[in-house]
Amino acid sequence: MANLIYKRVSTDQQSTDRQNLVLAEAGIEAPVEFEEAAGTYSRLHPLQRLKFGQPLKYARPGDTVHISEMFRLVRGTGHILDVLDVLHRDRLALRIHDGAFSAMDLTARHTRTGELLSTVKFMVQTLAAAGELQRELTYDGLRRRGQGQQGRAPPRPGGRQDQRRTRLVPGGPLDRSPRP
């Protein structure tokens, strides 16, 4: 039974160092590594990614796909459920070593029907929705930064912020407390 490692970074400025550390700490024996080229679009369905497709073609029933954290593979709810269906169909295990999904058996199926357990499905959908939100907030922030908006504008002298501060200063111009 083979141990297949999948790694991916979103940009050229990122590295797989953290993923390498997490996977090394897991002590995976005789791993076969598959690493996506930097800049692979995170919204691209994982089953359409070149390097994720390779371990699926290489794998045999009983092999385990190892990922440092789930969001290196998927962010969207539909994508993760599709991946889990393919892994189940091919009788492959998925082991996530860090993050929200690390304590879950994502391959747990109902003994009679073979369907993904409803509790697993619920947790996967909830955590994947959080991943989608994180991605959207990150993209929104990057878009604003690209448009020259770094967040809030700095306070202007004499603006509301200064007026609020002077209200609190005894004897300040906006102090309305009774004078002795």
C-alpha atoms as a PDB file:
ATOM      1  CA  MET A   1       0.000   0.000   0.000  1.00  0.00           C
ATOM      2  CA  ALA A   2       1.489   3.286  -1.173  1.00  0.00           C
ATOM      3  CA  ASN A   3       1.556   6.635   0.592  1.00  0.00           C
ATOM      4  CA  LEU A   4       0.868   9.397  -1.927  1.00  0.00           C
ATOM      5  CA  ILE A   5       1.564  13.013  -0.973  1.00  0.00           C
ATOM      6  CA  TYR A   6      -0.129  15.939  -2.718  1.00  0.00           C
ATOM      7  CA  LYS A   7       1.176  19.516  -2.271  1.00  0.00           C
ATOM      8  CA  ARG A   8       0.073  22.821  -3.796  1.00  0.00           C
ATOM      9  CA  VAL A   9       0.769  26.522  -3.347  1.00  0.00           C
ATOM     10  CA  SER A  10      -1.362  29.334  -4.747  1.00  0.00           C
ATOM     11  CA  THR A  11       1.297  31.856  -5.783  1.00  0.00           C
ATOM     12  CA  ASP A  12       4.924  32.027  -6.856  1.00  0.00           C
ATOM     13  CA  GLN A  13       5.692  33.855  -3.605  1.00  0.00           C
ATOM     14  CA  GLN A  14       4.613  30.868  -1.503  1.00  0.00           C
ATOM     15  CA  SER A  15       6.587  27.727  -0.823  1.00  0.00           C
ATOM     16  CA  THR A  16       5.731  24.215   0.280  1.00  0.00           C
ATOM     17  CA  ASP A  17       7.991  24.516   3.363  1.00  0.00           C
ATOM     18  CA  ARG A  18       5.107  24.436   5.857  1.00  0.00           C
ATOM     19  CA  GLN A  19       3.457  21.519   4.059  1.00  0.00           C
ATOM     20  CA  ASN A  20       6.785  19.664   4.017  1.00  0.00           C
ATOM     21  CA  LEU A  21       7.164  20.208   7.769  1.00  0.00           C
ATOM     22  CA  VAL A  22       3.650  18.969   8.589  1.00  0.00           C
ATOM     23  CA  LEU A  23       4.044  15.909   6.383  1.00  0.00           C
ATOM     24  CA  ALA A  24       7.550  15.154   7.724  1.00  0.00           C
ATOM     25  CA  GLU A  25       6.225  15.317  11.310  1.00  0.00           C
ATOM     26  CA  ALA A  26       3.559  12.785  10.293  1.00  0.00           C
ATOM     27  CA  GLY A  27       6.335  10.274   9.588  1.00  0.00           C
ATOM     28  CA  ILE A  28       4.884   9.008   6.319  1.00  0.00           C
ATOM     29  CA  GLU A  29       6.912   6.023   5.158  1.00  0.00           C
ATOM     30  CA  ALA A  30       8.145   5.735   1.536  1.00  0.00           C
ATOM     31  CA  PRO A  31       6.011   8.580   0.156  1.00  0.00           C
ATOM     32  CA  VAL A  32       5.462   9.201  -3.538  1.00  0.00           C
ATOM     33  CA  GLU A  33       5.149  12.972  -3.957  1.00  0.00           C
ATOM     34  CA  PHE A  34       3.046  14.960  -6.404  1.00  0.00           C
ATOM     35  CA  GLU A  35       3.432  18.746  -6.337  1.00  0.00           C
ATOM     36  CA  GLU A  36       1.325  21.213  -8.333  1.00  0.00           C
ATOM     37  CA  ALA A  37       3.102  24.058 -10.098  1.00  0.00           C
ATOM     38  CA  ALA A  38       2.867  27.369  -8.227  1.00  0.00           C
ATOM     39  CA  GLY A  39      -0.068  29.521  -9.174  1.00  0.00           C
ATOM     40  CA  THR A  40      -2.561  26.718  -9.821  1.00  0.00           C
ATOM     41  CA  TYR A  41      -5.928  28.422  -9.618  1.00  0.00           C
ATOM     42  CA  SER A  42      -7.625  27.432  -6.349  1.00  0.00           C
ATOM     43  CA  ARG A  43     -11.110  27.557  -7.893  1.00  0.00           C
ATOM     44  CA  LEU A  44     -10.146  24.941 -10.475  1.00  0.00           C
ATOM     45  CA  HIS A  45     -11.811  21.652  -9.613  1.00  0.00           C
ATOM     46  CA  PRO A  46      -9.190  19.403  -7.968  1.00  0.00           C
ATOM     47  CA  LEU A  47     -10.119  16.504 -10.244  1.00  0.00           C
ATOM     48  CA  GLN A  48      -9.124  18.728 -13.193  1.00  0.00           C
ATOM     49  CA  ARG A  49      -5.707  19.613 -11.770  1.00  0.00           C
ATOM     50  CA  LEU A  50      -2.861  17.854 -13.535  1.00  0.00           C
ATOM     51  CA  LYS A  51      -0.857  16.879 -10.453  1.00  0.00           C
ATOM     52  CA  PHE A  52      -3.855  15.752  -8.405  1.00  0.00           C
ATOM     53  CA  GLY A  53      -4.966  13.566 -11.286  1.00  0.00           C
ATOM     54  CA  GLN A  54      -1.582  11.813 -11.332  1.00  0.00           C
ATOM     55  CA  PRO A  55      -1.808  10.223  -7.869  1.00  0.00           C
ATOM     56  CA  LEU A  56      -5.363   9.115  -8.657  1.00  0.00           C
ATOM     57  CA  LYS A  57      -4.115   7.330 -11.794  1.00  0.00           C
ATOM     58  CA  TYR A  58      -1.089   5.947  -9.942  1.00  0.00           C
ATOM     59  CA  ALA A  59      -3.003   4.755  -6.878  1.00  0.00           C
ATOM     60  CA  ARG A  60      -4.238   1.238  -6.229  1.00  0.00           C
ATOM     61  CA  PRO A  61      -7.027   0.192  -3.829  1.00  0.00           C
ATOM     62  CA  GLY A  62      -5.826   0.539  -0.258  1.00  0.00           C
ATOM     63  CA  ASP A  63      -3.377   3.390  -0.964  1.00  0.00           C
ATOM     64  CA  THR A  64      -3.533   6.580   1.087  1.00  0.00           C
ATOM     65  CA  VAL A  65      -3.459  10.141  -0.240  1.00  0.00           C
ATOM     66  CA  HIS A  66      -1.782  12.467   2.298  1.00  0.00           C
ATOM     67  CA  ILE A  67      -2.333  16.228   2.374  1.00  0.00           C
ATOM     68  CA  SER A  68      -0.961  18.698   4.908  1.00  0.00           C
ATOM     69  CA  GLU A  69      -4.329  20.493   5.183  1.00  0.00           C
ATOM     70  CA  MET A  70      -7.600  20.234   3.279  1.00  0.00           C
ATOM     71  CA  PHE A  71      -7.500  23.728   1.852  1.00  0.00           C
ATOM     72  CA  ARG A  72      -4.360  22.835  -0.117  1.00  0.00           C
ATOM     73  CA  LEU A  73      -6.645  20.568  -2.127  1.00  0.00           C
ATOM     74  CA  VAL A  74     -10.130  22.112  -2.031  1.00  0.00           C
ATOM     75  CA  ARG A  75     -12.027  25.072  -0.671  1.00  0.00           C
ATOM     76  CA  GLY A  76     -15.487  24.527  -2.085  1.00  0.00           C
ATOM     77  CA  THR A  77     -18.136  22.238  -0.642  1.00  0.00           C
ATOM     78  CA  GLY A  78     -19.026  20.597  -3.934  1.00  0.00           C
ATOM     79  CA  HIS A  79     -15.387  19.952  -4.786  1.00  0.00           C
ATOM     80  CA  ILE A  80     -14.614  18.129  -1.559  1.00  0.00           C
ATOM     81  CA  LEU A  81     -17.670  15.901  -1.865  1.00  0.00           C
ATOM     82  CA  ASP A  82     -16.677  15.059  -5.459  1.00  0.00           C
ATOM     83  CA  VAL A  83     -13.136  14.193  -4.341  1.00  0.00           C
ATOM     84  CA  LEU A  84     -14.431  12.021  -1.497  1.00  0.00           C
ATOM     85  CA  ASP A  85     -16.712  10.162  -3.931  1.00  0.00           C
ATOM     86  CA  VAL A  86     -13.791   9.445  -6.289  1.00  0.00           C
ATOM     87  CA  LEU A  87     -11.561   8.322  -3.419  1.00  0.00           C
ATOM     88  CA  HIS A  88     -14.332   6.048  -2.138  1.00  0.00           C
ATOM     89  CA  ARG A  89     -14.992   4.640  -5.608  1.00  0.00           C
ATOM     90  CA  ASP A  90     -11.302   3.852  -6.063  1.00  0.00           C
ATOM     91  CA  ARG A  91     -11.038   2.544  -2.458  1.00  0.00           C
ATOM     92  CA  LEU A  92      -8.409   5.097  -1.478  1.00  0.00           C
ATOM     93  CA  ALA A  93      -7.959   6.620   1.951  1.00  0.00           C
ATOM     94  CA  LEU A  94      -7.474  10.344   2.533  1.00  0.00           C
ATOM     95  CA  ARG A  95      -5.363  11.504   5.464  1.00  0.00           C
ATOM     96  CA  ILE A  96      -5.192  15.197   6.342  1.00  0.00           C
ATOM     97  CA  HIS A  97      -2.473  16.014   8.831  1.00  0.00           C
ATOM     98  CA  ASP A  98      -3.250  19.573   9.976  1.00  0.00           C
ATOM     99  CA  GLY A  99      -6.179  21.938  10.328  1.00  0.00           C
ATOM    100  CA  ALA A 100      -9.894  21.503  10.866  1.00  0.00           C
ATOM    101  CA  PHE A 101     -10.192  18.199   8.993  1.00  0.00           C
ATOM    102  CA  SER A 102      -7.231  16.462  10.647  1.00  0.00           C
ATOM    103  CA  ALA A 103      -9.215  14.681  13.357  1.00  0.00           C
ATOM    104  CA  MET A 104     -11.934  13.357  11.040  1.00  0.00           C
ATOM    105  CA  ASP A 105     -12.263  10.110   9.140  1.00  0.00           C
ATOM    106  CA  LEU A 106     -13.525  11.580   5.880  1.00  0.00           C
ATOM    107  CA  THR A 107     -13.976   8.178   4.324  1.00  0.00           C
ATOM    108  CA  ALA A 108     -16.470   6.882   6.932  1.00  0.00           C
ATOM    109  CA  ARG A 109     -19.413   5.272   5.131  1.00  0.00           C
ATOM    110  CA  HIS A 110     -22.676   3.713   6.216  1.00  0.00           C
ATOM    111  CA  THR A 111     -22.197  -0.064   6.595  1.00  0.00           C
ATOM    112  CA  ARG A 112     -25.341  -1.029   4.660  1.00  0.00           C
ATOM    113  CA  THR A 113     -25.689   1.663   1.997  1.00  0.00           C
ATOM    114  CA  GLY A 114     -22.059   2.677   1.461  1.00  0.00           C
ATOM    115  CA  GLU A 115     -23.122   6.338   1.500  1.00  0.00           C
ATOM    116  CA  LEU A 116     -20.989   8.972   3.177  1.00  0.00           C
ATOM    117  CA  LEU A 117     -22.141   9.219   6.805  1.00  0.00           C
ATOM    118  CA  SER A 118     -24.478  12.163   7.281  1.00  0.00           C
ATOM    119  CA  THR A 119     -22.425  13.456  10.221  1.00  0.00           C
ATOM    120  CA  VAL A 120     -19.257  13.412   8.113  1.00  0.00           C
ATOM    121  CA  LYS A 121     -21.087  15.096   5.255  1.00  0.00           C
ATOM    122  CA  PHE A 122     -22.419  17.786   7.600  1.00  0.00           C
ATOM    123  CA  MET A 123     -18.976  18.502   9.083  1.00  0.00           C
ATOM    124  CA  VAL A 124     -17.339  18.528   5.658  1.00  0.00           C
ATOM    125  CA  GLN A 125     -19.942  20.940   4.282  1.00  0.00           C
ATOM    126  CA  THR A 126     -19.666  23.236   7.305  1.00  0.00           C
ATOM    127  CA  LEU A 127     -15.868  23.357   7.290  1.00  0.00           C
ATOM    128  CA  ALA A 128     -15.719  23.711   3.502  1.00  0.00           C
ATOM    129  CA  ALA A 129     -18.158  26.639   3.703  1.00  0.00           C
ATOM    130  CA  ALA A 130     -15.770  28.284   6.172  1.00  0.00           C
ATOM    131  CA  GLY A 131     -12.953  27.702   3.680  1.00  0.00           C
ATOM    132  CA  GLU A 132     -15.000  29.321   0.906  1.00  0.00           C
ATOM    133  CA  LEU A 133     -15.621  32.354   3.121  1.00  0.00           C
ATOM    134  CA  GLN A 134     -11.925  32.611   3.959  1.00  0.00           C
ATOM    135  CA  ARG A 135     -11.000  32.460   0.264  1.00  0.00           C
ATOM    136  CA  GLU A 136     -13.560  35.134  -0.667  1.00  0.00           C
ATOM    137  CA  LEU A 137     -12.398  37.464   2.099  1.00  0.00           C
ATOM    138  CA  THR A 138      -8.794  36.952   1.002  1.00  0.00           C
ATOM    139  CA  TYR A 139      -9.636  37.679  -2.642  1.00  0.00           C
ATOM    140  CA  ASP A 140     -11.644  40.774  -1.660  1.00  0.00           C
ATOM    141  CA  GLY A 141      -8.714  42.056   0.392  1.00  0.00           C
ATOM    142  CA  LEU A 142      -6.258  41.392  -2.438  1.00  0.00           C
ATOM    143  CA  ARG A 143      -8.544  43.154  -4.929  1.00  0.00           C
ATOM    144  CA  ARG A 144      -8.814  46.226  -2.678  1.00  0.00           C
ATOM    145  CA  ARG A 145      -5.065  46.247  -2.176  1.00  0.00           C
ATOM    146  CA  GLY A 146      -4.578  46.052  -5.953  1.00  0.00           C
ATOM    147  CA  GLN A 147      -6.815  49.100  -6.336  1.00  0.00           C
ATOM    148  CA  GLY A 148      -4.705  51.070  -3.874  1.00  0.00           C
ATOM    149  CA  GLN A 149      -7.074  50.667  -0.945  1.00  0.00           C
ATOM    150  CA  GLN A 150      -5.149  49.447   2.074  1.00  0.00           C
ATOM    151  CA  GLY A 151      -8.139  49.422   4.378  1.00  0.00           C
ATOM    152  CA  ARG A 152      -9.366  52.404   6.385  1.00  0.00           C
ATOM    153  CA  ALA A 153      -8.096  55.854   5.561  1.00  0.00           C
ATOM    154  CA  PRO A 154      -5.814  57.415   8.193  1.00  0.00           C
ATOM    155  CA  PRO A 155      -7.593  59.827  10.561  1.00  0.00           C
ATOM    156  CA  ARG A 156      -7.614  63.465   9.436  1.00  0.00           C
ATOM    157  CA  PRO A 157      -6.569  66.215  11.846  1.00  0.00           C
ATOM    158  CA  GLY A 158      -9.711  67.923  13.145  1.00  0.00           C
ATOM    159  CA  GLY A 159     -11.858  65.038  11.953  1.00  0.00           C
ATOM    160  CA  ARG A 160     -14.406  63.051  13.979  1.00  0.00           C
ATOM    161  CA  GLN A 161     -11.712  61.018  15.697  1.00  0.00           C
ATOM    162  CA  ASP A 162     -10.085  64.172  17.122  1.00  0.00           C
ATOM    163  CA  GLN A 163     -13.485  65.554  18.167  1.00  0.00           C
ATOM    164  CA  ARG A 164     -14.260  62.377  20.082  1.00  0.00           C
ATOM    165  CA  ARG A 165     -10.921  62.529  21.854  1.00  0.00           C
ATOM    166  CA  THR A 166     -11.282  66.178  22.852  1.00  0.00           C
ATOM    167  CA  ARG A 167     -14.746  65.519  24.291  1.00  0.00           C
ATOM    168  CA  LEU A 168     -13.076  63.322  26.868  1.00  0.00           C
ATOM    169  CA  VAL A 169     -10.409  65.858  27.803  1.00  0.00           C
ATOM    170  CA  PRO A 170     -11.595  68.039  30.739  1.00  0.00           C
ATOM    171  CA  GLY A 171     -11.721  71.661  29.637  1.00  0.00           C
ATOM    172  CA  GLY A 172     -11.494  70.691  25.973  1.00  0.00           C
ATOM    173  CA  PRO A 173     -13.479  72.666  23.374  1.00  0.00           C
ATOM    174  CA  LEU A 174     -16.339  70.145  23.368  1.00  0.00           C
ATOM    175  CA  ASP A 175     -16.386  69.547  27.133  1.00  0.00           C
ATOM    176  CA  ARG A 176     -19.926  70.303  28.352  1.00  0.00           C
ATOM    177  CA  SER A 177     -19.438  69.340  31.957  1.00  0.00           C
ATOM    178  CA  PRO A 178     -20.367  71.945  34.605  1.00  0.00           C
ATOM    179  CA  ARG A 179     -17.479  74.174  35.560  1.00  0.00           C
ATOM    180  CA  PRO A 180     -16.540  74.607  39.218  1.00  0.00           C
END
